[in-house]
mmCIF file of all heavy atoms, coordinates in Angstrom:
data_MODEL
# 
_entry.id   MODEL 
# 
loop_
_atom_site.group_PDB 
_atom_site.id 
_atom_site.type_symbol 
_atom_site.label_atom_id 
_atom_site.label_alt_id 
_atom_site.label_comp_id 
_atom_site.label_asym_id 
_atom_site.label_entity_id 
_atom_site.label_seq_id 
_atom_site.pdbx_PDB_ins_code 
_atom_site.Cartn_x 
_atom_site.Cartn_y 
_atom_site.Cartn_z 
_atom_site.occupancy 
_atom_site.B_iso_or_equiv 
_atom_site.pdbx_formal_charge 
_atom_site.auth_seq_id 
_atom_site.auth_comp_id 
_atom_site.auth_asym_id 
_atom_site.auth_atom_id 
_atom_site.pdbx_PDB_model_num 
ATOM 1   N N   . THR A 1 1  ? 149.057 159.587 109.562 1.00 0.00 ? 1  THR A N   1 
ATOM 2   C CA  . THR A 1 1  ? 150.038 159.073 110.459 1.00 0.00 ? 1  THR A CA  1 
ATOM 3   C C   . THR A 1 1  ? 150.790 157.974 109.808 1.00 0.00 ? 1  THR A C   1 
ATOM 4   O O   . THR A 1 1  ? 150.287 157.344 108.894 1.00 0.00 ? 1  THR A O   1 
ATOM 5   C CB  . THR A 1 1  ? 149.325 158.537 111.817 1.00 0.00 ? 1  THR A CB  1 
ATOM 6   O OG1 . THR A 1 1  ? 148.534 157.387 111.471 1.00 0.00 ? 1  THR A OG1 1 
ATOM 7   C CG2 . THR A 1 1  ? 148.592 159.599 112.537 1.00 0.00 ? 1  THR A CG2 1 
ATOM 8   N N   . LYS A 1 2  ? 151.956 157.706 110.302 1.00 0.00 ? 2  LYS A N   1 
ATOM 9   C CA  . LYS A 1 2  ? 152.735 156.556 109.729 1.00 0.00 ? 2  LYS A CA  1 
ATOM 10  C C   . LYS A 1 2  ? 152.034 155.281 109.927 1.00 0.00 ? 2  LYS A C   1 
ATOM 11  O O   . LYS A 1 2  ? 152.030 154.383 109.083 1.00 0.00 ? 2  LYS A O   1 
ATOM 12  C CB  . LYS A 1 2  ? 154.154 156.601 110.348 1.00 0.00 ? 2  LYS A CB  1 
ATOM 13  C CG  . LYS A 1 2  ? 155.020 157.707 109.936 1.00 0.00 ? 2  LYS A CG  1 
ATOM 14  C CD  . LYS A 1 2  ? 156.386 157.611 110.572 1.00 0.00 ? 2  LYS A CD  1 
ATOM 15  C CE  . LYS A 1 2  ? 157.280 158.788 110.189 1.00 0.00 ? 2  LYS A CE  1 
ATOM 16  N NZ  . LYS A 1 2  ? 158.574 158.700 110.832 1.00 0.00 ? 2  LYS A NZ  1 
ATOM 17  N N   . GLN A 1 3  ? 151.375 155.188 111.055 1.00 0.00 ? 3  GLN A N   1 
ATOM 18  C CA  . GLN A 1 3  ? 150.655 153.930 111.376 1.00 0.00 ? 3  GLN A CA  1 
ATOM 19  C C   . GLN A 1 3  ? 149.455 153.712 110.429 1.00 0.00 ? 3  GLN A C   1 
ATOM 20  O O   . GLN A 1 3  ? 149.214 152.575 110.060 1.00 0.00 ? 3  GLN A O   1 
ATOM 21  C CB  . GLN A 1 3  ? 150.245 153.939 112.821 1.00 0.00 ? 3  GLN A CB  1 
ATOM 22  C CG  . GLN A 1 3  ? 151.390 153.867 113.824 1.00 0.00 ? 3  GLN A CG  1 
ATOM 23  C CD  . GLN A 1 3  ? 150.935 154.045 115.230 1.00 0.00 ? 3  GLN A CD  1 
ATOM 24  O OE1 . GLN A 1 3  ? 149.783 154.448 115.487 1.00 0.00 ? 3  GLN A OE1 1 
ATOM 25  N NE2 . GLN A 1 3  ? 151.806 153.757 116.217 1.00 0.00 ? 3  GLN A NE2 1 
ATOM 26  N N   . ASP A 1 4  ? 148.785 154.796 110.073 1.00 0.00 ? 4  ASP A N   1 
ATOM 27  C CA  . ASP A 1 4  ? 147.739 154.726 109.202 1.00 0.00 ? 4  ASP A CA  1 
ATOM 28  C C   . ASP A 1 4  ? 148.119 154.408 107.775 1.00 0.00 ? 4  ASP A C   1 
ATOM 29  O O   . ASP A 1 4  ? 147.536 153.686 107.052 1.00 0.00 ? 4  ASP A O   1 
ATOM 30  C CB  . ASP A 1 4  ? 146.902 156.040 109.192 1.00 0.00 ? 4  ASP A CB  1 
ATOM 31  C CG  . ASP A 1 4  ? 146.131 156.249 110.426 1.00 0.00 ? 4  ASP A CG  1 
ATOM 32  O OD1 . ASP A 1 4  ? 145.859 155.206 111.151 1.00 0.00 ? 4  ASP A OD1 1 
ATOM 33  O OD2 . ASP A 1 4  ? 145.737 157.366 110.735 1.00 0.00 ? 4  ASP A OD2 1 
ATOM 34  N N   . LYS A 1 5  ? 149.262 154.942 107.338 1.00 0.00 ? 5  LYS A N   1 
ATOM 35  C CA  . LYS A 1 5  ? 149.716 154.850 105.929 1.00 0.00 ? 5  LYS A CA  1 
ATOM 36  C C   . LYS A 1 5  ? 150.169 153.502 105.617 1.00 0.00 ? 5  LYS A C   1 
ATOM 37  O O   . LYS A 1 5  ? 149.892 152.912 104.684 1.00 0.00 ? 5  LYS A O   1 
ATOM 38  C CB  . LYS A 1 5  ? 150.818 155.920 105.690 1.00 0.00 ? 5  LYS A CB  1 
ATOM 39  C CG  . LYS A 1 5  ? 151.035 156.238 104.289 1.00 0.00 ? 5  LYS A CG  1 
ATOM 40  C CD  . LYS A 1 5  ? 149.826 156.861 103.651 1.00 0.00 ? 5  LYS A CD  1 
ATOM 41  C CE  . LYS A 1 5  ? 150.124 157.252 102.211 1.00 0.00 ? 5  LYS A CE  1 
ATOM 42  N NZ  . LYS A 1 5  ? 148.924 157.646 101.498 1.00 0.00 ? 5  LYS A NZ  1 
ATOM 43  N N   . LEU A 1 6  ? 150.977 152.885 106.617 1.00 0.00 ? 6  LEU A N   1 
ATOM 44  C CA  . LEU A 1 6  ? 151.557 151.578 106.301 1.00 0.00 ? 6  LEU A CA  1 
ATOM 45  C C   . LEU A 1 6  ? 150.564 150.534 106.218 1.00 0.00 ? 6  LEU A C   1 
ATOM 46  O O   . LEU A 1 6  ? 150.553 149.722 105.257 1.00 0.00 ? 6  LEU A O   1 
ATOM 47  C CB  . LEU A 1 6  ? 152.636 151.296 107.374 1.00 0.00 ? 6  LEU A CB  1 
ATOM 48  C CG  . LEU A 1 6  ? 153.891 152.150 107.280 1.00 0.00 ? 6  LEU A CG  1 
ATOM 49  C CD1 . LEU A 1 6  ? 154.834 151.771 108.361 1.00 0.00 ? 6  LEU A CD1 1 
ATOM 50  C CD2 . LEU A 1 6  ? 154.596 151.854 105.895 1.00 0.00 ? 6  LEU A CD2 1 
ATOM 51  N N   . PRO A 1 7  ? 149.583 150.441 107.126 1.00 0.00 ? 7  PRO A N   1 
ATOM 52  C CA  . PRO A 1 7  ? 148.564 149.367 106.979 1.00 0.00 ? 7  PRO A CA  1 
ATOM 53  C C   . PRO A 1 7  ? 147.748 149.477 105.690 1.00 0.00 ? 7  PRO A C   1 
ATOM 54  O O   . PRO A 1 7  ? 147.310 148.561 105.118 1.00 0.00 ? 7  PRO A O   1 
ATOM 55  C CB  . PRO A 1 7  ? 147.743 149.484 108.277 1.00 0.00 ? 7  PRO A CB  1 
ATOM 56  C CG  . PRO A 1 7  ? 148.606 150.172 109.222 1.00 0.00 ? 7  PRO A CG  1 
ATOM 57  C CD  . PRO A 1 7  ? 149.477 151.045 108.383 1.00 0.00 ? 7  PRO A CD  1 
ATOM 58  N N   . THR A 1 8  ? 147.467 150.719 105.281 1.00 0.00 ? 8  THR A N   1 
ATOM 59  C CA  . THR A 1 8  ? 146.710 150.950 104.081 1.00 0.00 ? 8  THR A CA  1 
ATOM 60  C C   . THR A 1 8  ? 147.522 150.358 102.883 1.00 0.00 ? 8  THR A C   1 
ATOM 61  O O   . THR A 1 8  ? 146.951 149.777 102.067 1.00 0.00 ? 8  THR A O   1 
ATOM 62  C CB  . THR A 1 8  ? 146.495 152.452 103.836 1.00 0.00 ? 8  THR A CB  1 
ATOM 63  O OG1 . THR A 1 8  ? 145.751 152.912 104.963 1.00 0.00 ? 8  THR A OG1 1 
ATOM 64  C CG2 . THR A 1 8  ? 145.601 152.702 102.605 1.00 0.00 ? 8  THR A CG2 1 
ATOM 65  N N   . MET A 1 9  ? 148.801 150.670 102.875 1.00 0.00 ? 9  MET A N   1 
ATOM 66  C CA  . MET A 1 9  ? 149.625 150.175 101.741 1.00 0.00 ? 9  MET A CA  1 
ATOM 67  C C   . MET A 1 9  ? 149.692 148.624 101.823 1.00 0.00 ? 9  MET A C   1 
ATOM 68  O O   . MET A 1 9  ? 149.569 147.963 100.802 1.00 0.00 ? 9  MET A O   1 
ATOM 69  C CB  . MET A 1 9  ? 151.069 150.705 101.819 1.00 0.00 ? 9  MET A CB  1 
ATOM 70  C CG  . MET A 1 9  ? 151.092 152.189 101.416 1.00 0.00 ? 9  MET A CG  1 
ATOM 71  S SD  . MET A 1 9  ? 152.691 152.977 101.682 1.00 0.00 ? 9  MET A SD  1 
ATOM 72  C CE  . MET A 1 9  ? 153.800 151.943 100.711 1.00 0.00 ? 9  MET A CE  1 
ATOM 73  N N   . ASN A 1 10 ? 149.800 148.074 102.966 1.00 0.00 ? 10 ASN A N   1 
ATOM 74  C CA  . ASN A 1 10 ? 149.823 146.621 103.161 1.00 0.00 ? 10 ASN A CA  1 
ATOM 75  C C   . ASN A 1 10 ? 148.512 146.042 102.803 1.00 0.00 ? 10 ASN A C   1 
ATOM 76  O O   . ASN A 1 10 ? 148.428 144.948 102.164 1.00 0.00 ? 10 ASN A O   1 
ATOM 77  C CB  . ASN A 1 10 ? 150.137 146.221 104.634 1.00 0.00 ? 10 ASN A CB  1 
ATOM 78  C CG  . ASN A 1 10 ? 151.671 146.421 104.965 1.00 0.00 ? 10 ASN A CG  1 
ATOM 79  O OD1 . ASN A 1 10 ? 152.429 146.426 104.066 1.00 0.00 ? 10 ASN A OD1 1 
ATOM 80  N ND2 . ASN A 1 10 ? 151.975 146.523 106.224 1.00 0.00 ? 10 ASN A ND2 1 
ATOM 81  N N   . CYS A 1 11 ? 147.400 146.764 103.067 1.00 0.00 ? 11 CYS A N   1 
ATOM 82  C CA  . CYS A 1 11 ? 146.122 146.198 102.673 1.00 0.00 ? 11 CYS A CA  1 
ATOM 83  C C   . CYS A 1 11 ? 145.948 146.209 101.171 1.00 0.00 ? 11 CYS A C   1 
ATOM 84  O O   . CYS A 1 11 ? 145.376 145.224 100.614 1.00 0.00 ? 11 CYS A O   1 
ATOM 85  C CB  . CYS A 1 11 ? 145.008 147.122 103.284 1.00 0.00 ? 11 CYS A CB  1 
ATOM 86  S SG  . CYS A 1 11 ? 144.748 146.863 105.095 1.00 0.00 ? 11 CYS A SG  1 
ATOM 87  N N   . ASP A 1 12 ? 146.476 147.286 100.521 1.00 0.00 ? 12 ASP A N   1 
ATOM 88  C CA  . ASP A 1 12 ? 146.489 147.276 99.064  1.00 0.00 ? 12 ASP A CA  1 
ATOM 89  C C   . ASP A 1 12 ? 147.269 146.088 98.500  1.00 0.00 ? 12 ASP A C   1 
ATOM 90  O O   . ASP A 1 12 ? 146.871 145.397 97.613  1.00 0.00 ? 12 ASP A O   1 
ATOM 91  C CB  . ASP A 1 12 ? 146.996 148.571 98.537  1.00 0.00 ? 12 ASP A CB  1 
ATOM 92  C CG  . ASP A 1 12 ? 146.054 149.799 98.752  1.00 0.00 ? 12 ASP A CG  1 
ATOM 93  O OD1 . ASP A 1 12 ? 144.892 149.541 99.130  1.00 0.00 ? 12 ASP A OD1 1 
ATOM 94  O OD2 . ASP A 1 12 ? 146.518 150.935 98.701  1.00 0.00 ? 12 ASP A OD2 1 
ATOM 95  N N   . MET A 1 13 ? 148.468 145.914 99.109  1.00 0.00 ? 13 MET A N   1 
ATOM 96  C CA  . MET A 1 13 ? 149.303 144.798 98.559  1.00 0.00 ? 13 MET A CA  1 
ATOM 97  C C   . MET A 1 13 ? 148.691 143.488 98.853  1.00 0.00 ? 13 MET A C   1 
ATOM 98  O O   . MET A 1 13 ? 148.720 142.573 98.070  1.00 0.00 ? 13 MET A O   1 
ATOM 99  C CB  . MET A 1 13 ? 150.692 144.943 99.131  1.00 0.00 ? 13 MET A CB  1 
ATOM 100 C CG  . MET A 1 13 ? 151.484 146.141 98.662  1.00 0.00 ? 13 MET A CG  1 
ATOM 101 S SD  . MET A 1 13 ? 152.919 146.536 99.644  1.00 0.00 ? 13 MET A SD  1 
ATOM 102 C CE  . MET A 1 13 ? 154.097 145.478 98.980  1.00 0.00 ? 13 MET A CE  1 
ATOM 103 N N   . ASP A 1 14 ? 148.132 143.398 100.097 1.00 0.00 ? 14 ASP A N   1 
ATOM 104 C CA  . ASP A 1 14 ? 147.443 142.133 100.526 1.00 0.00 ? 14 ASP A CA  1 
ATOM 105 C C   . ASP A 1 14 ? 146.270 141.873 99.563  1.00 0.00 ? 14 ASP A C   1 
ATOM 106 O O   . ASP A 1 14 ? 146.035 140.699 99.132  1.00 0.00 ? 14 ASP A O   1 
ATOM 107 C CB  . ASP A 1 14 ? 147.050 142.154 101.900 1.00 0.00 ? 14 ASP A CB  1 
ATOM 108 C CG  . ASP A 1 14 ? 148.231 142.069 102.846 1.00 0.00 ? 14 ASP A CG  1 
ATOM 109 O OD1 . ASP A 1 14 ? 149.294 141.621 102.464 1.00 0.00 ? 14 ASP A OD1 1 
ATOM 110 O OD2 . ASP A 1 14 ? 148.017 142.364 104.071 1.00 0.00 ? 14 ASP A OD2 1 
ATOM 111 N N   . GLY A 1 15 ? 145.502 142.958 99.329  1.00 0.00 ? 15 GLY A N   1 
ATOM 112 C CA  . GLY A 1 15 ? 144.308 142.804 98.440  1.00 0.00 ? 15 GLY A CA  1 
ATOM 113 C C   . GLY A 1 15 ? 144.719 142.430 97.015  1.00 0.00 ? 15 GLY A C   1 
ATOM 114 O O   . GLY A 1 15 ? 144.038 141.537 96.406  1.00 0.00 ? 15 GLY A O   1 
ATOM 115 N N   . GLU A 1 16 ? 145.809 142.960 96.583  1.00 0.00 ? 16 GLU A N   1 
ATOM 116 C CA  . GLU A 1 16 ? 146.265 142.616 95.213  1.00 0.00 ? 16 GLU A CA  1 
ATOM 117 C C   . GLU A 1 16 ? 146.755 141.162 95.156  1.00 0.00 ? 16 GLU A C   1 
ATOM 118 O O   . GLU A 1 16 ? 146.392 140.425 94.191  1.00 0.00 ? 16 GLU A O   1 
ATOM 119 C CB  . GLU A 1 16 ? 147.428 143.564 94.724  1.00 0.00 ? 16 GLU A CB  1 
ATOM 120 C CG  . GLU A 1 16 ? 147.010 144.945 94.417  1.00 0.00 ? 16 GLU A CG  1 
ATOM 121 C CD  . GLU A 1 16 ? 148.134 145.876 93.985  1.00 0.00 ? 16 GLU A CD  1 
ATOM 122 O OE1 . GLU A 1 16 ? 149.205 145.367 93.815  1.00 0.00 ? 16 GLU A OE1 1 
ATOM 123 O OE2 . GLU A 1 16 ? 147.872 147.069 93.986  1.00 0.00 ? 16 GLU A OE2 1 
ATOM 124 N N   . MET A 1 17 ? 147.402 140.793 96.197  1.00 0.00 ? 17 MET A N   1 
ATOM 125 C CA  . MET A 1 17 ? 147.938 139.376 96.282  1.00 0.00 ? 17 MET A CA  1 
ATOM 126 C C   . MET A 1 17 ? 146.769 138.436 96.414  1.00 0.00 ? 17 MET A C   1 
ATOM 127 O O   . MET A 1 17 ? 146.732 137.383 95.809  1.00 0.00 ? 17 MET A O   1 
ATOM 128 C CB  . MET A 1 17 ? 148.906 139.158 97.396  1.00 0.00 ? 17 MET A CB  1 
ATOM 129 C CG  . MET A 1 17 ? 150.230 139.879 97.051  1.00 0.00 ? 17 MET A CG  1 
ATOM 130 S SD  . MET A 1 17 ? 151.664 139.456 98.102  1.00 0.00 ? 17 MET A SD  1 
ATOM 131 C CE  . MET A 1 17 ? 151.009 139.377 99.738  1.00 0.00 ? 17 MET A CE  1 
ATOM 132 N N   . GLU A 1 18 ? 145.736 138.871 97.199  1.00 0.00 ? 18 GLU A N   1 
ATOM 133 C CA  . GLU A 1 18 ? 144.536 137.977 97.361  1.00 0.00 ? 18 GLU A CA  1 
ATOM 134 C C   . GLU A 1 18 ? 143.808 137.846 96.022  1.00 0.00 ? 18 GLU A C   1 
ATOM 135 O O   . GLU A 1 18 ? 143.343 136.837 95.700  1.00 0.00 ? 18 GLU A O   1 
ATOM 136 C CB  . GLU A 1 18 ? 143.657 138.590 98.430  1.00 0.00 ? 18 GLU A CB  1 
ATOM 137 C CG  . GLU A 1 18 ? 144.086 138.326 99.816  1.00 0.00 ? 18 GLU A CG  1 
ATOM 138 C CD  . GLU A 1 18 ? 143.257 139.008 100.912 1.00 0.00 ? 18 GLU A CD  1 
ATOM 139 O OE1 . GLU A 1 18 ? 142.106 139.412 100.600 1.00 0.00 ? 18 GLU A OE1 1 
ATOM 140 O OE2 . GLU A 1 18 ? 143.662 139.013 102.075 1.00 0.00 ? 18 GLU A OE2 1 
ATOM 141 N N   . ASN A 1 19 ? 143.728 139.023 95.339  1.00 0.00 ? 19 ASN A N   1 
ATOM 142 C CA  . ASN A 1 19 ? 143.056 139.009 94.083  1.00 0.00 ? 19 ASN A CA  1 
ATOM 143 C C   . ASN A 1 19 ? 143.806 138.146 93.056  1.00 0.00 ? 19 ASN A C   1 
ATOM 144 O O   . ASN A 1 19 ? 143.157 137.335 92.329  1.00 0.00 ? 19 ASN A O   1 
ATOM 145 C CB  . ASN A 1 19 ? 142.904 140.419 93.464  1.00 0.00 ? 19 ASN A CB  1 
ATOM 146 C CG  . ASN A 1 19 ? 141.862 141.222 94.139  1.00 0.00 ? 19 ASN A CG  1 
ATOM 147 O OD1 . ASN A 1 19 ? 141.001 140.714 94.774  1.00 0.00 ? 19 ASN A OD1 1 
ATOM 148 N ND2 . ASN A 1 19 ? 141.962 142.601 93.998  1.00 0.00 ? 19 ASN A ND2 1 
ATOM 149 N N   . GLN A 1 20 ? 145.135 138.164 93.070  1.00 0.00 ? 20 GLN A N   1 
ATOM 150 C CA  . GLN A 1 20 ? 145.966 137.372 92.189  1.00 0.00 ? 20 GLN A CA  1 
ATOM 151 C C   . GLN A 1 20 ? 145.725 135.875 92.506  1.00 0.00 ? 20 GLN A C   1 
ATOM 152 O O   . GLN A 1 20 ? 145.572 135.048 91.643  1.00 0.00 ? 20 GLN A O   1 
ATOM 153 C CB  . GLN A 1 20 ? 147.412 137.726 92.262  1.00 0.00 ? 20 GLN A CB  1 
ATOM 154 C CG  . GLN A 1 20 ? 148.258 136.929 91.283  1.00 0.00 ? 20 GLN A CG  1 
ATOM 155 C CD  . GLN A 1 20 ? 149.726 137.335 91.352  1.00 0.00 ? 20 GLN A CD  1 
ATOM 156 O OE1 . GLN A 1 20 ? 150.097 138.230 92.177  1.00 0.00 ? 20 GLN A OE1 1 
ATOM 157 N NE2 . GLN A 1 20 ? 150.538 136.820 90.561  1.00 0.00 ? 20 GLN A NE2 1 
ATOM 158 N N   . VAL A 1 21 ? 145.708 135.572 93.827  1.00 0.00 ? 21 VAL A N   1 
ATOM 159 C CA  . VAL A 1 21 ? 145.565 134.222 94.245  1.00 0.00 ? 21 VAL A CA  1 
ATOM 160 C C   . VAL A 1 21 ? 144.158 133.673 93.842  1.00 0.00 ? 21 VAL A C   1 
ATOM 161 O O   . VAL A 1 21 ? 143.971 132.574 93.396  1.00 0.00 ? 21 VAL A O   1 
ATOM 162 C CB  . VAL A 1 21 ? 145.782 134.002 95.743  1.00 0.00 ? 21 VAL A CB  1 
ATOM 163 C CG1 . VAL A 1 21 ? 145.290 132.653 96.338  1.00 0.00 ? 21 VAL A CG1 1 
ATOM 164 C CG2 . VAL A 1 21 ? 147.237 134.280 96.153  1.00 0.00 ? 21 VAL A CG2 1 
ATOM 165 N N   . GLU A 1 22 ? 143.191 134.587 94.077  1.00 0.00 ? 22 GLU A N   1 
ATOM 166 C CA  . GLU A 1 22 ? 141.784 134.200 93.632  1.00 0.00 ? 22 GLU A CA  1 
ATOM 167 C C   . GLU A 1 22 ? 141.668 133.973 92.126  1.00 0.00 ? 22 GLU A C   1 
ATOM 168 O O   . GLU A 1 22 ? 141.030 133.039 91.732  1.00 0.00 ? 22 GLU A O   1 
ATOM 169 C CB  . GLU A 1 22 ? 140.798 135.320 94.091  1.00 0.00 ? 22 GLU A CB  1 
ATOM 170 C CG  . GLU A 1 22 ? 140.539 135.338 95.571  1.00 0.00 ? 22 GLU A CG  1 
ATOM 171 C CD  . GLU A 1 22 ? 139.542 136.473 95.984  1.00 0.00 ? 22 GLU A CD  1 
ATOM 172 O OE1 . GLU A 1 22 ? 139.048 137.099 95.033  1.00 0.00 ? 22 GLU A OE1 1 
ATOM 173 O OE2 . GLU A 1 22 ? 139.414 136.665 97.152  1.00 0.00 ? 22 GLU A OE2 1 
ATOM 174 N N   . MET A 1 23 ? 142.329 134.859 91.344  1.00 0.00 ? 23 MET A N   1 
ATOM 175 C CA  . MET A 1 23 ? 142.250 134.688 89.913  1.00 0.00 ? 23 MET A CA  1 
ATOM 176 C C   . MET A 1 23 ? 142.991 133.370 89.489  1.00 0.00 ? 23 MET A C   1 
ATOM 177 O O   . MET A 1 23 ? 142.537 132.651 88.645  1.00 0.00 ? 23 MET A O   1 
ATOM 178 C CB  . MET A 1 23 ? 142.975 135.892 89.267  1.00 0.00 ? 23 MET A CB  1 
ATOM 179 C CG  . MET A 1 23 ? 142.170 137.122 89.356  1.00 0.00 ? 23 MET A CG  1 
ATOM 180 S SD  . MET A 1 23 ? 140.532 137.024 88.577  1.00 0.00 ? 23 MET A SD  1 
ATOM 181 C CE  . MET A 1 23 ? 140.950 136.828 86.886  1.00 0.00 ? 23 MET A CE  1 
ATOM 182 N N   . GLU A 1 24 ? 144.092 133.061 90.121  1.00 0.00 ? 24 GLU A N   1 
ATOM 183 C CA  . GLU A 1 24 ? 144.827 131.793 89.818  1.00 0.00 ? 24 GLU A CA  1 
ATOM 184 C C   . GLU A 1 24 ? 143.960 130.650 90.141  1.00 0.00 ? 24 GLU A C   1 
ATOM 185 O O   . GLU A 1 24 ? 143.866 129.601 89.453  1.00 0.00 ? 24 GLU A O   1 
ATOM 186 C CB  . GLU A 1 24 ? 146.092 131.758 90.537  1.00 0.00 ? 24 GLU A CB  1 
ATOM 187 C CG  . GLU A 1 24 ? 147.173 132.663 89.987  1.00 0.00 ? 24 GLU A CG  1 
ATOM 188 C CD  . GLU A 1 24 ? 148.469 132.778 90.821  1.00 0.00 ? 24 GLU A CD  1 
ATOM 189 O OE1 . GLU A 1 24 ? 148.460 132.096 91.842  1.00 0.00 ? 24 GLU A OE1 1 
ATOM 190 O OE2 . GLU A 1 24 ? 149.403 133.447 90.422  1.00 0.00 ? 24 GLU A OE2 1 
ATOM 191 N N   . GLU A 1 25 ? 143.225 130.666 91.322  1.00 0.00 ? 25 GLU A N   1 
ATOM 192 C CA  . GLU A 1 25 ? 142.367 129.621 91.769  1.00 0.00 ? 25 GLU A CA  1 
ATOM 193 C C   . GLU A 1 25 ? 141.163 129.476 90.832  1.00 0.00 ? 25 GLU A C   1 
ATOM 194 O O   . GLU A 1 25 ? 140.841 128.406 90.469  1.00 0.00 ? 25 GLU A O   1 
ATOM 195 C CB  . GLU A 1 25 ? 141.883 129.877 93.193  1.00 0.00 ? 25 GLU A CB  1 
ATOM 196 C CG  . GLU A 1 25 ? 141.043 128.820 93.748  1.00 0.00 ? 25 GLU A CG  1 
ATOM 197 C CD  . GLU A 1 25 ? 141.673 127.502 94.033  1.00 0.00 ? 25 GLU A CD  1 
ATOM 198 O OE1 . GLU A 1 25 ? 142.936 127.488 94.030  1.00 0.00 ? 25 GLU A OE1 1 
ATOM 199 O OE2 . GLU A 1 25 ? 141.036 126.528 94.259  1.00 0.00 ? 25 GLU A OE2 1 
ATOM 200 N N   . LYS A 1 26 ? 140.636 130.598 90.392  1.00 0.00 ? 26 LYS A N   1 
ATOM 201 C CA  . LYS A 1 26 ? 139.513 130.548 89.440  1.00 0.00 ? 26 LYS A CA  1 
ATOM 202 C C   . LYS A 1 26 ? 139.957 129.977 88.074  1.00 0.00 ? 26 LYS A C   1 
ATOM 203 O O   . LYS A 1 26 ? 139.257 129.199 87.505  1.00 0.00 ? 26 LYS A O   1 
ATOM 204 C CB  . LYS A 1 26 ? 138.940 132.021 89.159  1.00 0.00 ? 26 LYS A CB  1 
ATOM 205 C CG  . LYS A 1 26 ? 138.072 132.505 90.328  1.00 0.00 ? 26 LYS A CG  1 
ATOM 206 C CD  . LYS A 1 26 ? 137.602 133.913 90.033  1.00 0.00 ? 26 LYS A CD  1 
ATOM 207 C CE  . LYS A 1 26 ? 136.762 134.438 91.145  1.00 0.00 ? 26 LYS A CE  1 
ATOM 208 N NZ  . LYS A 1 26 ? 136.314 135.827 90.911  1.00 0.00 ? 26 LYS A NZ  1 
ATOM 209 N N   . THR A 1 27 ? 141.106 130.349 87.599  1.00 0.00 ? 27 THR A N   1 
ATOM 210 C CA  . THR A 1 27 ? 141.663 129.843 86.380  1.00 0.00 ? 27 THR A CA  1 
ATOM 211 C C   . THR A 1 27 ? 141.880 128.348 86.482  1.00 0.00 ? 27 THR A C   1 
ATOM 212 O O   . THR A 1 27 ? 141.503 127.627 85.581  1.00 0.00 ? 27 THR A O   1 
ATOM 213 C CB  . THR A 1 27 ? 142.929 130.509 86.001  1.00 0.00 ? 27 THR A CB  1 
ATOM 214 O OG1 . THR A 1 27 ? 142.662 131.954 85.934  1.00 0.00 ? 27 THR A OG1 1 
ATOM 215 C CG2 . THR A 1 27 ? 143.497 130.053 84.771  1.00 0.00 ? 27 THR A CG2 1 
ATOM 216 N N   . ARG A 1 28 ? 142.419 127.953 87.638  1.00 0.00 ? 28 ARG A N   1 
ATOM 217 C CA  . ARG A 1 28 ? 142.633 126.488 87.801  1.00 0.00 ? 28 ARG A CA  1 
ATOM 218 C C   . ARG A 1 28 ? 141.363 125.707 87.794  1.00 0.00 ? 28 ARG A C   1 
ATOM 219 O O   . ARG A 1 28 ? 141.124 124.637 87.173  1.00 0.00 ? 28 ARG A O   1 
ATOM 220 C CB  . ARG A 1 28 ? 143.393 126.262 89.099  1.00 0.00 ? 28 ARG A CB  1 
ATOM 221 C CG  . ARG A 1 28 ? 143.819 124.808 89.352  1.00 0.00 ? 28 ARG A CG  1 
ATOM 222 C CD  . ARG A 1 28 ? 144.492 124.634 90.733  1.00 0.00 ? 28 ARG A CD  1 
ATOM 223 N NE  . ARG A 1 28 ? 143.546 124.810 91.810  1.00 0.00 ? 28 ARG A NE  1 
ATOM 224 C CZ  . ARG A 1 28 ? 142.554 123.906 92.153  1.00 0.00 ? 28 ARG A CZ  1 
ATOM 225 N NH1 . ARG A 1 28 ? 142.480 122.805 91.539  1.00 0.00 ? 28 ARG A NH1 1 
ATOM 226 N NH2 . ARG A 1 28 ? 141.749 124.095 93.196  1.00 0.00 ? 28 ARG A NH2 1 
ATOM 227 N N   . LEU A 1 29 ? 140.320 126.287 88.460  1.00 0.00 ? 29 LEU A N   1 
ATOM 228 C CA  . LEU A 1 29 ? 139.050 125.558 88.608  1.00 0.00 ? 29 LEU A CA  1 
ATOM 229 C C   . LEU A 1 29 ? 138.328 125.578 87.255  1.00 0.00 ? 29 LEU A C   1 
ATOM 230 O O   . LEU A 1 29 ? 137.770 124.588 86.820  1.00 0.00 ? 29 LEU A O   1 
ATOM 231 C CB  . LEU A 1 29 ? 138.115 126.248 89.664  1.00 0.00 ? 29 LEU A CB  1 
ATOM 232 C CG  . LEU A 1 29 ? 138.574 126.062 91.098  1.00 0.00 ? 29 LEU A CG  1 
ATOM 233 C CD1 . LEU A 1 29 ? 137.747 126.958 91.981  1.00 0.00 ? 29 LEU A CD1 1 
ATOM 234 C CD2 . LEU A 1 29 ? 138.468 124.565 91.503  1.00 0.00 ? 29 LEU A CD2 1 
ATOM 235 N N   . ILE A 1 30 ? 138.495 126.648 86.444  1.00 0.00 ? 30 ILE A N   1 
ATOM 236 C CA  . ILE A 1 30 ? 137.808 126.673 85.163  1.00 0.00 ? 30 ILE A CA  1 
ATOM 237 C C   . ILE A 1 30 ? 138.521 125.661 84.276  1.00 0.00 ? 30 ILE A C   1 
ATOM 238 O O   . ILE A 1 30 ? 137.749 125.003 83.507  1.00 0.00 ? 30 ILE A O   1 
ATOM 239 C CB  . ILE A 1 30 ? 138.022 128.117 84.599  1.00 0.00 ? 30 ILE A CB  1 
ATOM 240 C CG1 . ILE A 1 30 ? 137.005 129.083 85.258  1.00 0.00 ? 30 ILE A CG1 1 
ATOM 241 C CG2 . ILE A 1 30 ? 137.654 128.056 83.058  1.00 0.00 ? 30 ILE A CG2 1 
ATOM 242 C CD1 . ILE A 1 30 ? 137.156 130.535 84.931  1.00 0.00 ? 30 ILE A CD1 1 
# 
């Protein structure tokens, strides 16, 4: 469904952005 497909893509993008933010935070803390 269109509704199923869009949130999945958003989750992937959100997950990637969260991972990038986490990596930046880890790098800063290190």
